[in-house]
Amino acid sequence: MTPARTRRPVSHAAFELAQAGTTQTQLAGLLGLSQMAVSRYLEGTREPPEAFAAVLEQLVGPEAAGRILAAIPERRELAAA
């Protein structure tokens, strides 16, 4: 029997994106990026491109986009953790 893979917990921003009815893969496709890049943006480990917020808003609407963006930790918060 093979050991079960341990999954990383989903970031709060990724959860909000899913609650808005879309996926990281869909957002990545619109941005021309990989799903992994979008995941890193949502985790706050990488700075997103300038178009990120605008594309997100077009995809899920301004209210949901605001919730998602607010859920992304700032990089300095991660450095202190």
N, C-alpha and C. Protein backbone atom coordinates (compact mmCIF):
# COMPACT_ATOMS: atom_id res chain seq x y z
N MET A 1 0.84 -1.18 0.00
CA MET A 1 0.00 0.00 0.00
C MET A 1 0.89 1.24 0.00
N THR A 2 0.59 2.19 -0.86
CA THR A 2 1.39 3.40 -0.94
C THR A 2 0.88 4.43 0.06
N PRO A 3 1.78 5.23 0.60
CA PRO A 3 1.34 6.26 1.56
C PRO A 3 0.52 7.33 0.85
N ALA A 4 -0.43 7.87 1.56
CA ALA A 4 -1.27 8.94 1.02
C ALA A 4 -0.46 10.21 0.85
N ARG A 5 -0.72 10.93 -0.22
CA ARG A 5 -0.05 12.22 -0.42
C ARG A 5 -0.60 13.23 0.55
N THR A 6 0.28 14.01 1.10
CA THR A 6 -0.13 15.08 1.99
C THR A 6 -0.39 16.32 1.15
N ARG A 7 -1.58 16.86 1.28
CA ARG A 7 -1.94 18.05 0.52
C ARG A 7 -1.72 19.29 1.38
N ARG A 8 -1.21 20.32 0.72
CA ARG A 8 -1.06 21.59 1.42
C ARG A 8 -2.44 22.18 1.67
N PRO A 9 -2.58 22.89 2.78
CA PRO A 9 -3.88 23.53 3.01
C PRO A 9 -4.14 24.61 1.94
N VAL A 10 -5.38 24.77 1.59
CA VAL A 10 -5.76 25.76 0.59
C VAL A 10 -5.70 27.14 1.24
N SER A 11 -5.11 28.10 0.53
CA SER A 11 -5.05 29.46 1.06
C SER A 11 -6.46 30.04 1.14
N HIS A 12 -6.62 31.02 2.00
CA HIS A 12 -7.92 31.68 2.15
C HIS A 12 -8.33 32.33 0.82
N ALA A 13 -7.39 32.92 0.11
CA ALA A 13 -7.70 33.55 -1.17
C ALA A 13 -8.14 32.51 -2.21
N ALA A 14 -7.50 31.34 -2.21
CA ALA A 14 -7.89 30.28 -3.14
C ALA A 14 -9.30 29.78 -2.80
N PHE A 15 -9.60 29.70 -1.52
CA PHE A 15 -10.94 29.31 -1.09
C PHE A 15 -11.97 30.32 -1.59
N GLU A 16 -11.67 31.61 -1.43
CA GLU A 16 -12.58 32.67 -1.89
C GLU A 16 -12.77 32.61 -3.40
N LEU A 17 -11.71 32.30 -4.14
CA LEU A 17 -11.80 32.17 -5.59
C LEU A 17 -12.76 31.04 -5.94
N ALA A 18 -12.63 29.91 -5.27
CA ALA A 18 -13.52 28.78 -5.52
C ALA A 18 -14.96 29.12 -5.14
N GLN A 19 -15.13 29.85 -4.05
CA GLN A 19 -16.47 30.26 -3.63
C GLN A 19 -17.11 31.18 -4.67
N ALA A 20 -16.28 31.91 -5.41
CA ALA A 20 -16.78 32.81 -6.45
C ALA A 20 -17.14 32.03 -7.73
N GLY A 21 -16.87 30.73 -7.72
CA GLY A 21 -17.28 29.88 -8.83
C GLY A 21 -16.28 29.74 -9.95
N THR A 22 -15.02 29.98 -9.66
CA THR A 22 -14.01 29.83 -10.70
C THR A 22 -12.80 29.08 -10.14
N THR A 23 -11.88 28.75 -11.02
CA THR A 23 -10.71 27.98 -10.62
C THR A 23 -9.42 28.76 -10.88
N GLN A 24 -8.37 28.33 -10.25
CA GLN A 24 -7.07 28.92 -10.50
C GLN A 24 -6.66 28.70 -11.95
N THR A 25 -7.03 27.57 -12.51
CA THR A 25 -6.69 27.26 -13.89
C THR A 25 -7.40 28.22 -14.86
N GLN A 26 -8.66 28.54 -14.58
CA GLN A 26 -9.38 29.50 -15.43
C GLN A 26 -8.72 30.87 -15.36
N LEU A 27 -8.40 31.32 -14.16
CA LEU A 27 -7.75 32.62 -13.99
C LEU A 27 -6.39 32.62 -14.67
N ALA A 28 -5.65 31.54 -14.51
CA ALA A 28 -4.33 31.43 -15.15
C ALA A 28 -4.44 31.52 -16.66
N GLY A 29 -5.44 30.87 -17.24
CA GLY A 29 -5.62 30.91 -18.69
C GLY A 29 -5.87 32.32 -19.20
N LEU A 30 -6.66 33.08 -18.48
CA LEU A 30 -6.93 34.46 -18.89
C LEU A 30 -5.70 35.35 -18.76
N LEU A 31 -4.85 35.02 -17.81
CA LEU A 31 -3.63 35.81 -17.60
C LEU A 31 -2.47 35.32 -18.46
N GLY A 32 -2.62 34.14 -19.08
CA GLY A 32 -1.54 33.56 -19.87
C GLY A 32 -0.43 33.02 -19.00
N LEU A 33 -0.79 32.52 -17.83
CA LEU A 33 0.17 32.00 -16.86
C LEU A 33 -0.17 30.57 -16.48
N SER A 34 0.69 29.95 -15.69
CA SER A 34 0.41 28.61 -15.19
C SER A 34 -0.47 28.67 -13.94
N GLN A 35 -1.13 27.57 -13.65
CA GLN A 35 -1.93 27.48 -12.44
C GLN A 35 -1.04 27.65 -11.21
N MET A 36 0.18 27.14 -11.27
CA MET A 36 1.10 27.24 -10.14
C MET A 36 1.45 28.70 -9.85
N ALA A 37 1.61 29.51 -10.89
CA ALA A 37 1.89 30.93 -10.70
C ALA A 37 0.73 31.60 -9.98
N VAL A 38 -0.49 31.31 -10.41
CA VAL A 38 -1.67 31.89 -9.76
C VAL A 38 -1.74 31.44 -8.31
N SER A 39 -1.45 30.18 -8.05
CA SER A 39 -1.44 29.68 -6.68
C SER A 39 -0.47 30.47 -5.81
N ARG A 40 0.69 30.75 -6.33
CA ARG A 40 1.69 31.51 -5.57
C ARG A 40 1.23 32.95 -5.33
N TYR A 41 0.53 33.54 -6.29
CA TYR A 41 -0.01 34.88 -6.08
C TYR A 41 -1.05 34.86 -4.96
N LEU A 42 -1.92 33.85 -5.00
CA LEU A 42 -2.98 33.75 -3.99
C LEU A 42 -2.43 33.46 -2.60
N GLU A 43 -1.30 32.77 -2.52
CA GLU A 43 -0.65 32.51 -1.25
C GLU A 43 0.13 33.71 -0.73
N GLY A 44 0.39 34.67 -1.61
CA GLY A 44 1.15 35.85 -1.23
C GLY A 44 2.65 35.64 -1.29
N THR A 45 3.10 34.53 -1.90
CA THR A 45 4.54 34.27 -1.96
C THR A 45 5.20 34.93 -3.17
N ARG A 46 4.39 35.37 -4.13
CA ARG A 46 4.89 36.07 -5.32
C ARG A 46 4.01 37.28 -5.59
N GLU A 47 4.60 38.29 -6.17
CA GLU A 47 3.84 39.48 -6.57
C GLU A 47 3.11 39.19 -7.87
N PRO A 48 1.82 39.46 -7.93
CA PRO A 48 1.08 39.22 -9.18
C PRO A 48 1.38 40.29 -10.22
N PRO A 49 1.13 39.99 -11.49
CA PRO A 49 1.31 41.00 -12.54
C PRO A 49 0.28 42.11 -12.37
N GLU A 50 0.52 43.24 -12.99
CA GLU A 50 -0.38 44.39 -12.87
C GLU A 50 -1.80 44.07 -13.32
N ALA A 51 -1.95 43.20 -14.31
CA ALA A 51 -3.27 42.88 -14.86
C ALA A 51 -4.08 41.96 -13.95
N PHE A 52 -3.47 41.41 -12.92
CA PHE A 52 -4.12 40.41 -12.07
C PHE A 52 -5.47 40.88 -11.53
N ALA A 53 -5.50 42.02 -10.88
CA ALA A 53 -6.74 42.51 -10.25
C ALA A 53 -7.82 42.79 -11.29
N ALA A 54 -7.45 43.37 -12.41
CA ALA A 54 -8.44 43.70 -13.45
C ALA A 54 -9.04 42.44 -14.06
N VAL A 55 -8.19 41.45 -14.34
CA VAL A 55 -8.68 40.21 -14.92
C VAL A 55 -9.55 39.47 -13.91
N LEU A 56 -9.12 39.47 -12.66
CA LEU A 56 -9.90 38.82 -11.60
C LEU A 56 -11.29 39.47 -11.49
N GLU A 57 -11.33 40.78 -11.54
CA GLU A 57 -12.61 41.49 -11.45
C GLU A 57 -13.51 41.17 -12.63
N GLN A 58 -12.96 41.07 -13.82
CA GLN A 58 -13.74 40.70 -15.00
C GLN A 58 -14.30 39.29 -14.86
N LEU A 59 -13.52 38.41 -14.26
CA LEU A 59 -13.91 37.01 -14.14
C LEU A 59 -14.99 36.77 -13.09
N VAL A 60 -14.85 37.41 -11.93
CA VAL A 60 -15.76 37.10 -10.80
C VAL A 60 -16.60 38.27 -10.34
N GLY A 61 -16.36 39.46 -10.89
CA GLY A 61 -17.10 40.64 -10.46
C GLY A 61 -16.35 41.39 -9.38
N PRO A 62 -16.68 42.67 -9.20
CA PRO A 62 -15.92 43.51 -8.27
C PRO A 62 -16.03 43.10 -6.80
N GLU A 63 -17.19 42.67 -6.37
CA GLU A 63 -17.35 42.30 -4.96
C GLU A 63 -16.53 41.07 -4.60
N ALA A 64 -16.63 40.02 -5.40
CA ALA A 64 -15.87 38.80 -5.14
C ALA A 64 -14.37 39.05 -5.30
N ALA A 65 -14.00 39.85 -6.31
CA ALA A 65 -12.58 40.16 -6.52
C ALA A 65 -12.02 40.88 -5.30
N GLY A 66 -12.79 41.78 -4.72
CA GLY A 66 -12.35 42.48 -3.51
C GLY A 66 -12.11 41.54 -2.36
N ARG A 67 -12.99 40.55 -2.20
CA ARG A 67 -12.81 39.56 -1.12
C ARG A 67 -11.56 38.72 -1.35
N ILE A 68 -11.35 38.33 -2.60
CA ILE A 68 -10.18 37.50 -2.92
C ILE A 68 -8.90 38.28 -2.70
N LEU A 69 -8.85 39.50 -3.21
CA LEU A 69 -7.64 40.32 -3.05
C LEU A 69 -7.36 40.62 -1.58
N ALA A 70 -8.41 40.85 -0.79
CA ALA A 70 -8.22 41.12 0.64
C ALA A 70 -7.70 39.90 1.39
N ALA A 71 -7.96 38.71 0.85
CA ALA A 71 -7.53 37.48 1.51
C ALA A 71 -6.09 37.10 1.21
N ILE A 72 -5.46 37.78 0.26
CA ILE A 72 -4.07 37.47 -0.09
C ILE A 72 -3.16 38.11 0.96
N PRO A 73 -2.35 37.30 1.66
CA PRO A 73 -1.45 37.90 2.66
C PRO A 73 -0.37 38.74 1.99
N GLU A 74 0.01 39.79 2.65
CA GLU A 74 1.10 40.61 2.12
C GLU A 74 2.41 39.89 2.35
N ARG A 75 3.36 40.10 1.48
CA ARG A 75 4.63 39.38 1.57
C ARG A 75 5.34 39.64 2.87
N ARG A 76 5.25 40.83 3.44
CA ARG A 76 5.94 41.09 4.71
C ARG A 76 5.30 40.31 5.86
N GLU A 77 3.99 40.02 5.77
CA GLU A 77 3.35 39.19 6.78
C GLU A 77 3.92 37.78 6.74
N LEU A 78 4.20 37.27 5.55
CA LEU A 78 4.76 35.93 5.40
C LEU A 78 6.19 35.89 5.93
N ALA A 79 6.95 36.93 5.69
CA ALA A 79 8.34 36.96 6.14
C ALA A 79 8.43 36.94 7.66
N ALA A 80 7.44 37.53 8.34
CA ALA A 80 7.45 37.58 9.79
C ALA A 80 7.01 36.25 10.40
N ALA A 81 6.29 35.45 9.64
CA ALA A 81 5.75 34.18 10.16
C ALA A 81 6.81 33.13 10.33
